[in-house]
């Protein structure tokens, strides 16, 4: 029998520094600072050396960087696109809950 073991890391359980974030996204710390300045990322801490990002920010940062790199979207456009994607996710969640309630599911 062929068994596979999957391993992973729960992003909700980690914190990243600005340096960690830049390494994970293959960009400079300055680019991470720009994403924070535009409101794309929301760190905890006073200045870039003290910043801590939730692990879930990594996905958001990578999406932002792909929008910039692959599609040439400027920072303001990236912020807007991510806001709209967040809204779509929220609406999908509401729709799933409404459909579940209509079927009598919790």
PDB file of N, CA and C in Angstrom:
ATOM      1  N   UNK A   1       0.845  -1.162   0.000  1.00  0.00           N
ATOM      2  CA  UNK A   1       0.000   0.000   0.000  1.00  0.00           C
ATOM      3  C   UNK A   1       0.903   1.241   0.000  1.00  0.00           C
ATOM      4  N   UNK A   2       0.528   2.209  -0.800  1.00  0.00           N
ATOM      5  CA  UNK A   2       1.291   3.448  -0.910  1.00  0.00           C
ATOM      6  C   UNK A   2       0.662   4.516  -0.016  1.00  0.00           C
ATOM      7  N   UNK A   3       1.359   4.879   1.051  1.00  0.00           N
ATOM      8  CA  UNK A   3       0.843   5.892   1.968  1.00  0.00           C
ATOM      9  C   UNK A   3       1.613   7.189   1.770  1.00  0.00           C
ATOM     10  N   UNK A   4       0.882   8.276   1.854  1.00  0.00           N
ATOM     11  CA  UNK A   4       1.507   9.593   1.748  1.00  0.00           C
ATOM     12  C   UNK A   4       1.245  10.360   3.028  1.00  0.00           C
ATOM     13  N   UNK A   5       2.236  11.084   3.444  1.00  0.00           N
ATOM     14  CA  UNK A   5       2.087  11.936   4.610  1.00  0.00           C
ATOM     15  C   UNK A   5       2.200  13.381   4.148  1.00  0.00           C
ATOM     16  N   UNK A   6       1.193  14.137   4.486  1.00  0.00           N
ATOM     17  CA  UNK A   6       1.211  15.549   4.153  1.00  0.00           C
ATOM     18  C   UNK A   6       1.614  16.346   5.377  1.00  0.00           C
ATOM     19  N   UNK A   7       2.475  17.302   5.167  1.00  0.00           N
ATOM     20  CA  UNK A   7       2.846  18.197   6.256  1.00  0.00           C
ATOM     21  C   UNK A   7       2.577  19.610   5.806  1.00  0.00           C
ATOM     22  N   UNK A   8       2.357  20.482   6.759  1.00  0.00           N
ATOM     23  CA  UNK A   8       2.096  21.870   6.413  1.00  0.00           C
ATOM     24  C   UNK A   8       2.195  22.749   7.638  1.00  0.00           C
ATOM     25  N   UNK A   9       1.952  23.997   7.420  1.00  0.00           N
ATOM     26  CA  UNK A   9       2.022  24.991   8.472  1.00  0.00           C
ATOM     27  C   UNK A   9       0.740  25.793   8.450  1.00  0.00           C
ATOM     28  N   UNK A  10       0.091  25.919   9.585  1.00  0.00           N
ATOM     29  CA  UNK A  10      -1.119  26.725   9.660  1.00  0.00           C
ATOM     30  C   UNK A  10      -0.723  28.192   9.720  1.00  0.00           C
ATOM     31  N   UNK A  11      -1.132  28.946   8.721  1.00  0.00           N
ATOM     32  CA  UNK A  11      -0.736  30.341   8.641  1.00  0.00           C
ATOM     33  C   UNK A  11      -1.301  31.179   9.779  1.00  0.00           C
ATOM     34  N   UNK A  12      -2.433  30.757  10.338  1.00  0.00           N
ATOM     35  CA  UNK A  12      -3.022  31.505  11.445  1.00  0.00           C
ATOM     36  C   UNK A  12      -2.147  31.480  12.687  1.00  0.00           C
ATOM     37  N   UNK A  13      -1.244  30.525  12.763  1.00  0.00           N
ATOM     38  CA  UNK A  13      -0.476  30.319  13.982  1.00  0.00           C
ATOM     39  C   UNK A  13       0.934  30.901  13.944  1.00  0.00           C
ATOM     40  N   UNK A  14       1.304  31.584  12.890  1.00  0.00           N
ATOM     41  CA  UNK A  14       2.654  32.122  12.822  1.00  0.00           C
ATOM     42  C   UNK A  14       2.632  33.642  12.726  1.00  0.00           C
ATOM     43  N   UNK A  15       3.766  34.242  13.069  1.00  0.00           N
ATOM     44  CA  UNK A  15       3.981  35.673  12.875  1.00  0.00           C
ATOM     45  C   UNK A  15       5.231  35.840  12.037  1.00  0.00           C
ATOM     46  N   UNK A  16       5.198  36.807  11.157  1.00  0.00           N
ATOM     47  CA  UNK A  16       6.331  37.081  10.284  1.00  0.00           C
ATOM     48  C   UNK A  16       6.830  38.495  10.525  1.00  0.00           C
ATOM     49  N   UNK A  17       8.141  38.677  10.483  1.00  0.00           N
ATOM     50  CA  UNK A  17       8.710  40.016  10.509  1.00  0.00           C
ATOM     51  C   UNK A  17       8.668  40.576   9.088  1.00  0.00           C
ATOM     52  N   UNK A  18       9.007  41.838   8.937  1.00  0.00           N
ATOM     53  CA  UNK A  18       9.045  42.411   7.585  1.00  0.00           C
ATOM     54  C   UNK A  18      10.123  41.725   6.749  1.00  0.00           C
ATOM     55  N   UNK A  19      11.203  41.317   7.379  1.00  0.00           N
ATOM     56  CA  UNK A  19      12.263  40.595   6.654  1.00  0.00           C
ATOM     57  C   UNK A  19      11.763  39.213   6.238  1.00  0.00           C
ATOM     58  N   UNK A  20      11.089  38.510   7.163  1.00  0.00           N
ATOM     59  CA  UNK A  20      10.506  37.202   6.817  1.00  0.00           C
ATOM     60  C   UNK A  20       9.550  37.342   5.633  1.00  0.00           C
ATOM     61  N   UNK A  21       8.711  38.362   5.702  1.00  0.00           N
ATOM     62  CA  UNK A  21       7.710  38.590   4.655  1.00  0.00           C
ATOM     63  C   UNK A  21       8.401  38.860   3.313  1.00  0.00           C
ATOM     64  N   UNK A  22       9.439  39.681   3.350  1.00  0.00           N
ATOM     65  CA  UNK A  22      10.137  39.992   2.095  1.00  0.00           C
ATOM     66  C   UNK A  22      10.793  38.747   1.505  1.00  0.00           C
ATOM     67  N   UNK A  23      11.383  37.919   2.357  1.00  0.00           N
ATOM     68  CA  UNK A  23      11.997  36.675   1.869  1.00  0.00           C
ATOM     69  C   UNK A  23      10.943  35.727   1.309  1.00  0.00           C
ATOM     70  N   UNK A  24       9.835  35.587   2.033  1.00  0.00           N
ATOM     71  CA  UNK A  24       8.781  34.661   1.602  1.00  0.00           C
ATOM     72  C   UNK A  24       8.143  35.089   0.285  1.00  0.00           C
ATOM     73  N   UNK A  25       8.146  36.401   0.028  1.00  0.00           N
ATOM     74  CA  UNK A  25       7.534  36.925  -1.201  1.00  0.00           C
ATOM     75  C   UNK A  25       8.562  37.226  -2.292  1.00  0.00           C
ATOM     76  N   UNK A  26       9.825  37.026  -1.985  1.00  0.00           N
ATOM     77  CA  UNK A  26      10.923  37.303  -2.931  1.00  0.00           C
ATOM     78  C   UNK A  26      10.918  38.753  -3.405  1.00  0.00           C
ATOM     79  N   UNK A  27      10.724  39.673  -2.458  1.00  0.00           N
ATOM     80  CA  UNK A  27      10.775  41.105  -2.743  1.00  0.00           C
ATOM     81  C   UNK A  27      11.600  41.780  -1.663  1.00  0.00           C
ATOM     82  N   UNK A  28      11.878  43.055  -1.863  1.00  0.00           N
ATOM     83  CA  UNK A  28      12.640  43.807  -0.873  1.00  0.00           C
ATOM     84  C   UNK A  28      11.742  44.231   0.289  1.00  0.00           C
ATOM     85  N   UNK A  29      12.373  44.550   1.404  1.00  0.00           N
ATOM     86  CA  UNK A  29      11.627  45.070   2.550  1.00  0.00           C
ATOM     87  C   UNK A  29      10.934  46.373   2.149  1.00  0.00           C
ATOM     88  N   UNK A  30      11.558  47.148   1.277  1.00  0.00           N
ATOM     89  CA  UNK A  30      10.962  48.404   0.821  1.00  0.00           C
ATOM     90  C   UNK A  30       9.623  48.159   0.130  1.00  0.00           C
ATOM     91  N   UNK A  31       9.520  47.080  -0.618  1.00  0.00           N
ATOM     92  CA  UNK A  31       8.248  46.759  -1.265  1.00  0.00           C
ATOM     93  C   UNK A  31       7.183  46.371  -0.236  1.00  0.00           C
ATOM     94  N   UNK A  32       7.589  45.699   0.816  1.00  0.00           N
ATOM     95  CA  UNK A  32       6.655  45.374   1.896  1.00  0.00           C
ATOM     96  C   UNK A  32       6.198  46.666   2.577  1.00  0.00           C
ATOM     97  N   UNK A  33       7.125  47.593   2.797  1.00  0.00           N
ATOM     98  CA  UNK A  33       6.793  48.891   3.391  1.00  0.00           C
ATOM     99  C   UNK A  33       5.783  49.627   2.507  1.00  0.00           C
ATOM    100  N   UNK A  34       5.956  49.578   1.198  1.00  0.00           N
ATOM    101  CA  UNK A  34       5.020  50.224   0.273  1.00  0.00           C
ATOM    102  C   UNK A  34       3.626  49.600   0.365  1.00  0.00           C
ATOM    103  N   UNK A  35       3.560  48.283   0.504  1.00  0.00           N
ATOM    104  CA  UNK A  35       2.263  47.613   0.640  1.00  0.00           C
ATOM    105  C   UNK A  35       1.571  48.039   1.931  1.00  0.00           C
ATOM    106  N   UNK A  36       2.350  48.224   2.983  1.00  0.00           N
ATOM    107  CA  UNK A  36       1.782  48.691   4.249  1.00  0.00           C
ATOM    108  C   UNK A  36       1.302  50.131   4.099  1.00  0.00           C
ATOM    109  N   UNK A  37       2.116  50.972   3.465  1.00  0.00           N
ATOM    110  CA  UNK A  37       1.756  52.386   3.288  1.00  0.00           C
ATOM    111  C   UNK A  37       0.463  52.541   2.487  1.00  0.00           C
ATOM    112  N   UNK A  38       0.226  51.633   1.560  1.00  0.00           N
ATOM    113  CA  UNK A  38      -0.978  51.698   0.726  1.00  0.00           C
ATOM    114  C   UNK A  38      -2.179  51.048   1.417  1.00  0.00           C
ATOM    115  N   UNK A  39      -1.942  50.407   2.552  1.00  0.00           N
ATOM    116  CA  UNK A  39      -3.039  49.776   3.277  1.00  0.00           C
ATOM    117  C   UNK A  39      -3.334  48.352   2.854  1.00  0.00           C
ATOM    118  N   UNK A  40      -2.477  47.793   2.026  1.00  0.00           N
ATOM    119  CA  UNK A  40      -2.664  46.416   1.566  1.00  0.00           C
ATOM    120  C   UNK A  40      -2.385  45.432   2.694  1.00  0.00           C
ATOM    121  N   UNK A  41      -1.349  45.721   3.489  1.00  0.00           N
ATOM    122  CA  UNK A  41      -0.983  44.881   4.629  1.00  0.00           C
ATOM    123  C   UNK A  41      -1.109  45.699   5.907  1.00  0.00           C
ATOM    124  N   UNK A  42      -1.481  45.029   6.981  1.00  0.00           N
ATOM    125  CA  UNK A  42      -1.653  45.711   8.266  1.00  0.00           C
ATOM    126  C   UNK A  42      -0.832  45.007   9.341  1.00  0.00           C
ATOM    127  N   UNK A  43       0.394  45.494   9.568  1.00  0.00           N
ATOM    128  CA  UNK A  43       1.235  44.870  10.590  1.00  0.00           C
ATOM    129  C   UNK A  43       0.903  45.401  11.985  1.00  0.00           C
ATOM    130  N   UNK A  44       1.425  44.700  12.969  1.00  0.00           N
ATOM    131  CA  UNK A  44       1.388  45.169  14.342  1.00  0.00           C
ATOM    132  C   UNK A  44       2.799  45.640  14.659  1.00  0.00           C
ATOM    133  N   UNK A  45       2.907  46.802  15.263  1.00  0.00           N
ATOM    134  CA  UNK A  45       4.219  47.332  15.627  1.00  0.00           C
ATOM    135  C   UNK A  45       4.418  48.725  15.073  1.00  0.00           C
ATOM    136  N   UNK A  46       5.398  49.431  15.631  1.00  0.00           N
ATOM    137  CA  UNK A  46       5.604  50.831  15.308  1.00  0.00           C
ATOM    138  C   UNK A  46       6.320  51.111  13.996  1.00  0.00           C
ATOM    139  N   UNK A  47       7.448  50.484  13.775  1.00  0.00           N
ATOM    140  CA  UNK A  47       8.201  50.744  12.548  1.00  0.00           C
ATOM    141  C   UNK A  47       8.578  49.418  11.896  1.00  0.00           C
ATOM    142  N   UNK A  48       9.069  49.456  10.661  1.00  0.00           N
ATOM    143  CA  UNK A  48       9.322  48.213   9.921  1.00  0.00           C
ATOM    144  C   UNK A  48      10.181  47.189  10.654  1.00  0.00           C
ATOM    145  N   UNK A  49      11.119  47.637  11.500  1.00  0.00           N
ATOM    146  CA  UNK A  49      11.953  46.679  12.228  1.00  0.00           C
ATOM    147  C   UNK A  49      11.159  45.959  13.320  1.00  0.00           C
ATOM    148  N   UNK A  50      10.064  46.564  13.777  1.00  0.00           N
ATOM    149  CA  UNK A  50       9.251  45.974  14.837  1.00  0.00           C
ATOM    150  C   UNK A  50       7.989  45.285  14.300  1.00  0.00           C
ATOM    151  N   UNK A  51       7.685  45.471  13.030  1.00  0.00           N
ATOM    152  CA  UNK A  51       6.450  44.938  12.476  1.00  0.00           C
ATOM    153  C   UNK A  51       6.362  43.425  12.626  1.00  0.00           C
ATOM    154  N   UNK A  52       5.147  42.978  12.893  1.00  0.00           N
ATOM    155  CA  UNK A  52       4.821  41.560  12.894  1.00  0.00           C
ATOM    156  C   UNK A  52       3.554  41.399  12.075  1.00  0.00           C
ATOM    157  N   UNK A  53       3.579  40.433  11.177  1.00  0.00           N
ATOM    158  CA  UNK A  53       2.443  40.155  10.304  1.00  0.00           C
ATOM    159  C   UNK A  53       1.865  38.797  10.672  1.00  0.00           C
ATOM    160  N   UNK A  54       0.559  38.698  10.660  1.00  0.00           N
ATOM    161  CA  UNK A  54      -0.072  37.388  10.814  1.00  0.00           C
ATOM    162  C   UNK A  54       0.283  36.554   9.590  1.00  0.00           C
ATOM    163  N   UNK A  55       0.296  35.273   9.788  1.00  0.00           N
ATOM    164  CA  UNK A  55       0.631  34.388   8.683  1.00  0.00           C
ATOM    165  C   UNK A  55      -0.297  34.531   7.492  1.00  0.00           C
ATOM    166  N   UNK A  56      -1.568  34.864   7.765  1.00  0.00           N
ATOM    167  CA  UNK A  56      -2.520  35.019   6.674  1.00  0.00           C
ATOM    168  C   UNK A  56      -2.184  36.221   5.782  1.00  0.00           C
ATOM    169  N   UNK A  57      -1.379  37.148   6.292  1.00  0.00           N
ATOM    170  CA  UNK A  57      -0.953  38.296   5.479  1.00  0.00           C
ATOM    171  C   UNK A  57      -0.045  37.863   4.338  1.00  0.00           C
ATOM    172  N   UNK A  58       0.594  36.718   4.509  1.00  0.00           N
ATOM    173  CA  UNK A  58       1.490  36.224   3.466  1.00  0.00           C
ATOM    174  C   UNK A  58       0.736  35.976   2.163  1.00  0.00           C
ATOM    175  N   UNK A  59      -0.415  35.361   2.238  1.00  0.00           N
ATOM    176  CA  UNK A  59      -1.225  35.103   1.044  1.00  0.00           C
ATOM    177  C   UNK A  59      -1.615  36.413   0.380  1.00  0.00           C
ATOM    178  N   UNK A  60      -2.023  37.379   1.197  1.00  0.00           N
ATOM    179  CA  UNK A  60      -2.424  38.688   0.679  1.00  0.00           C
ATOM    180  C   UNK A  60      -1.235  39.391   0.006  1.00  0.00           C
ATOM    181  N   UNK A  61      -0.080  39.335   0.637  1.00  0.00           N
ATOM    182  CA  UNK A  61       1.117  39.966   0.067  1.00  0.00           C
ATOM    183  C   UNK A  61       1.496  39.323  -1.265  1.00  0.00           C
ATOM    184  N   UNK A  62       1.456  38.011  -1.310  1.00  0.00           N
ATOM    185  CA  UNK A  62       1.807  37.324  -2.556  1.00  0.00           C
ATOM    186  C   UNK A  62       0.825  37.659  -3.677  1.00  0.00           C
ATOM    187  N   UNK A  63      -0.449  37.762  -3.341  1.00  0.00           N
ATOM    188  CA  UNK A  63      -1.441  38.141  -4.350  1.00  0.00           C
ATOM    189  C   UNK A  63      -1.164  39.550  -4.842  1.00  0.00           C
ATOM    190  N   UNK A  64      -0.877  40.457  -3.933  1.00  0.00           N
ATOM    191  CA  UNK A  64      -0.579  41.845  -4.302  1.00  0.00           C
ATOM    192  C   UNK A  64       0.633  41.924  -5.221  1.00  0.00           C
ATOM    193  N   UNK A  65       1.655  41.190  -4.892  1.00  0.00           N
ATOM    194  CA  UNK A  65       2.885  41.221  -5.689  1.00  0.00           C
ATOM    195  C   UNK A  65       2.651  40.617  -7.065  1.00  0.00           C
ATOM    196  N   UNK A  66       1.848  39.544  -7.135  1.00  0.00           N
ATOM    197  CA  UNK A  66       1.517  38.967  -8.452  1.00  0.00           C
ATOM    198  C   UNK A  66       0.737  39.958  -9.305  1.00  0.00           C
ATOM    199  N   UNK A  67      -0.205  40.676  -8.690  1.00  0.00           N
ATOM    200  CA  UNK A  67      -0.963  41.683  -9.447  1.00  0.00           C
ATOM    201  C   UNK A  67      -0.026  42.751 -10.006  1.00  0.00           C
ATOM    202  N   UNK A  68       0.930  43.171  -9.207  1.00  0.00           N
ATOM    203  CA  UNK A  68       1.883  44.175  -9.671  1.00  0.00           C
ATOM    204  C   UNK A  68       2.788  43.622 -10.763  1.00  0.00           C
ATOM    205  N   UNK A  69       3.393  42.477 -10.487  1.00  0.00           N
ATOM    206  CA  UNK A  69       4.392  41.916 -11.393  1.00  0.00           C
ATOM    207  C   UNK A  69       3.782  41.392 -12.690  1.00  0.00           C
ATOM    208  N   UNK A  70       2.738  40.589 -12.577  1.00  0.00           N
ATOM    209  CA  UNK A  70       2.199  39.906 -13.748  1.00  0.00           C
ATOM    210  C   UNK A  70       1.247  40.764 -14.567  1.00  0.00           C
ATOM    211  N   UNK A  71       0.489  41.638 -13.895  1.00  0.00           N
ATOM    212  CA  UNK A  71      -0.511  42.441 -14.601  1.00  0.00           C
ATOM    213  C   UNK A  71      -0.163  43.916 -14.679  1.00  0.00           C
ATOM    214  N   UNK A  72       0.904  44.321 -13.997  1.00  0.00           N
ATOM    215  CA  UNK A  72       1.313  45.719 -14.047  1.00  0.00           C
ATOM    216  C   UNK A  72       0.375  46.663 -13.308  1.00  0.00           C
ATOM    217  N   UNK A  73      -0.346  46.147 -12.314  1.00  0.00           N
ATOM    218  CA  UNK A  73      -1.287  46.969 -11.552  1.00  0.00           C
ATOM    219  C   UNK A  73      -0.502  47.824 -10.567  1.00  0.00           C
ATOM    220  N   UNK A  74      -0.851  49.126 -10.483  1.00  0.00           N
ATOM    221  CA  UNK A  74      -0.159  49.991  -9.523  1.00  0.00           C
ATOM    222  C   UNK A  74      -0.674  49.723  -8.118  1.00  0.00           C
ATOM    223  N   UNK A  75      -0.020  50.311  -7.104  1.00  0.00           N
ATOM    224  CA  UNK A  75      -0.371  50.023  -5.715  1.00  0.00           C
ATOM    225  C   UNK A  75      -1.813  50.361  -5.373  1.00  0.00           C
ATOM    226  N   UNK A  76      -2.299  51.493  -5.857  1.00  0.00           N
ATOM    227  CA  UNK A  76      -3.692  51.861  -5.582  1.00  0.00           C
ATOM    228  C   UNK A  76      -4.640  50.835  -6.206  1.00  0.00           C
ATOM    229  N   UNK A  77      -4.320  50.375  -7.396  1.00  0.00           N
ATOM    230  CA  UNK A  77      -5.133  49.359  -8.057  1.00  0.00           C
ATOM    231  C   UNK A  77      -5.073  48.027  -7.328  1.00  0.00           C
ATOM    232  N   UNK A  78      -3.902  47.692  -6.805  1.00  0.00           N
ATOM    233  CA  UNK A  78      -3.750  46.466  -6.025  1.00  0.00           C
ATOM    234  C   UNK A  78      -4.631  46.524  -4.788  1.00  0.00           C
ATOM    235  N   UNK A  79      -4.598  47.657  -4.084  1.00  0.00           N
ATOM    236  CA  UNK A  79      -5.418  47.815  -2.876  1.00  0.00           C
ATOM    237  C   UNK A  79      -6.902  47.656  -3.213  1.00  0.00           C
ATOM    238  N   UNK A  80      -7.338  48.273  -4.299  1.00  0.00           N
ATOM    239  CA  UNK A  80      -8.732  48.166  -4.712  1.00  0.00           C
ATOM    240  C   UNK A  80      -9.084  46.734  -5.100  1.00  0.00           C
ATOM    241  N   UNK A  81      -8.229  46.089  -5.861  1.00  0.00           N
ATOM    242  CA  UNK A  81      -8.490  44.712  -6.290  1.00  0.00           C
ATOM    243  C   UNK A  81      -8.602  43.778  -5.082  1.00  0.00           C
ATOM    244  N   UNK A  82      -7.718  43.941  -4.112  1.00  0.00           N
ATOM    245  CA  UNK A  82      -7.765  43.092  -2.926  1.00  0.00           C
ATOM    246  C   UNK A  82      -9.013  43.367  -2.088  1.00  0.00           C
ATOM    247  N   UNK A  83      -9.413  44.622  -2.016  1.00  0.00           N
ATOM    248  CA  UNK A  83     -10.642  44.968  -1.302  1.00  0.00           C
ATOM    249  C   UNK A  83     -11.844  44.294  -1.964  1.00  0.00           C
ATOM    250  N   UNK A  84     -11.874  44.322  -3.285  1.00  0.00           N
ATOM    251  CA  UNK A  84     -12.975  43.683  -4.011  1.00  0.00           C
ATOM    252  C   UNK A  84     -12.938  42.162  -3.862  1.00  0.00           C
ATOM    253  N   UNK A  85     -11.757  41.578  -3.877  1.00  0.00           N
ATOM    254  CA  UNK A  85     -11.638  40.137  -3.666  1.00  0.00           C
ATOM    255  C   UNK A  85     -12.108  39.748  -2.265  1.00  0.00           C
ATOM    256  N   UNK A  86     -11.773  40.571  -1.268  1.00  0.00           N
ATOM    257  CA  UNK A  86     -12.250  40.331   0.101  1.00  0.00           C
ATOM    258  C   UNK A  86     -13.773  40.384   0.150  1.00  0.00           C
ATOM    259  N   UNK A  87     -14.340  41.357  -0.531  1.00  0.00           N
ATOM    260  CA  UNK A  87     -15.796  41.494  -0.543  1.00  0.00           C
ATOM    261  C   UNK A  87     -16.453  40.291  -1.220  1.00  0.00           C
ATOM    262  N   UNK A  88     -15.867  39.817  -2.298  1.00  0.00           N
ATOM    263  CA  UNK A  88     -16.386  38.630  -2.978  1.00  0.00           C
ATOM    264  C   UNK A  88     -16.357  37.431  -2.037  1.00  0.00           C
ATOM    265  N   UNK A  89     -15.249  37.258  -1.304  1.00  0.00           N
ATOM    266  CA  UNK A  89     -15.154  36.150  -0.344  1.00  0.00           C
ATOM    267  C   UNK A  89     -16.234  36.249   0.729  1.00  0.00           C
ATOM    268  N   UNK A  90     -16.467  37.453   1.232  1.00  0.00           N
ATOM    269  CA  UNK A  90     -17.503  37.648   2.248  1.00  0.00           C
ATOM    270  C   UNK A  90     -18.885  37.318   1.684  1.00  0.00           C
ATOM    271  N   UNK A  91     -19.147  37.774   0.479  1.00  0.00           N
ATOM    272  CA  UNK A  91     -20.447  37.493  -0.139  1.00  0.00           C
ATOM    273  C   UNK A  91     -20.635  36.004  -0.404  1.00  0.00           C
ATOM    274  N   UNK A  92     -19.575  35.332  -0.825  1.00  0.00           N
ATOM    275  CA  UNK A  92     -19.658  33.882  -1.031  1.00  0.00           C
ATOM    276  C   UNK A  92     -19.952  33.166   0.279  1.00  0.00           C
ATOM    277  N   UNK A  93     -19.323  33.629   1.363  1.00  0.00           N
ATOM    278  CA  UNK A  93     -19.592  33.038   2.671  1.00  0.00           C
ATOM    279  C   UNK A  93     -21.034  33.231   3.087  1.00  0.00           C
ATOM    280  N   UNK A  94     -21.551  34.432   2.879  1.00  0.00           N
ATOM    281  CA  UNK A  94     -22.957  34.705   3.206  1.00  0.00           C
ATOM    282  C   UNK A  94     -23.884  33.834   2.369  1.00  0.00           C
ATOM    283  N   UNK A  95     -23.558  33.673   1.089  1.00  0.00           N
ATOM    284  CA  UNK A  95     -24.377  32.845   0.211  1.00  0.00           C
ATOM    285  C   UNK A  95     -24.365  31.386   0.668  1.00  0.00           C
ATOM    286  N   UNK A  96     -23.195  30.870   1.034  1.00  0.00           N
ATOM    287  CA  UNK A  96     -23.112  29.482   1.527  1.00  0.00           C
ATOM    288  C   UNK A  96     -23.942  29.304   2.787  1.00  0.00           C
ATOM    289  N   UNK A  97     -23.850  30.279   3.704  1.00  0.00           N
ATOM    290  CA  UNK A  97     -24.653  30.194   4.937  1.00  0.00           C
ATOM    291  C   UNK A  97     -26.135  30.252   4.638  1.00  0.00           C
ATOM    292  N   UNK A  98     -26.526  31.117   3.708  1.00  0.00           N
ATOM    293  CA  UNK A  98     -27.940  31.224   3.349  1.00  0.00           C
ATOM    294  C   UNK A  98     -28.425  29.938   2.688  1.00  0.00           C
ATOM    295  N   UNK A  99     -27.622  29.370   1.828  1.00  0.00           N
ATOM    296  CA  UNK A  99     -28.006  28.113   1.181  1.00  0.00           C
ATOM    297  C   UNK A  99     -28.088  26.987   2.207  1.00  0.00           C
ATOM    298  N   UNK A 100     -27.156  26.977   3.166  1.00  0.00           N
ATOM    299  CA  UNK A 100     -27.182  25.958   4.222  1.00  0.00           C
ATOM    300  C   UNK A 100     -28.424  26.111   5.086  1.00  0.00           C
ATOM    301  N   UNK A 101     -28.786  27.361   5.414  1.00  0.00           N
ATOM    302  CA  UNK A 101     -29.983  27.609   6.220  1.00  0.00           C
ATOM    303  C   UNK A 101     -31.237  27.173   5.460  1.00  0.00           C
ATOM    304  N   UNK A 102     -31.260  27.384   4.153  1.00  0.00           N
ATOM    305  CA  UNK A 102     -32.419  26.985   3.348  1.00  0.00           C
ATOM    306  C   UNK A 102     -32.565  25.465   3.323  1.00  0.00           C
ATOM    307  N   UNK A 103     -31.459  24.764   3.471  1.00  0.00           N
ATOM    308  CA  UNK A 103     -31.491  23.285   3.503  1.00  0.00           C
ATOM    309  C   UNK A 103     -31.642  22.759   4.921  1.00  0.00           C
ATOM    310  N   UNK A 104     -31.657  23.655   5.890  1.00  0.00           N
ATOM    311  CA  UNK A 104     -31.784  23.243   7.289  1.00  0.00           C
ATOM    312  C   UNK A 104     -30.469  22.843   7.920  1.00  0.00           C
ATOM    313  N   UNK A 105     -29.342  23.276   7.312  1.00  0.00           N
ATOM    314  CA  UNK A 105     -28.022  22.964   7.853  1.00  0.00           C
ATOM    315  C   UNK A 105     -27.543  24.133   8.724  1.00  0.00           C
ATOM    316  N   UNK A 106     -26.686  23.852   9.707  1.00  0.00           N
ATOM    317  CA  UNK A 106     -26.157  24.941  10.549  1.00  0.00           C
ATOM    318  C   UNK A 106     -25.213  25.849   9.804  1.00  0.00           C
TER     319      UNK A 106
END
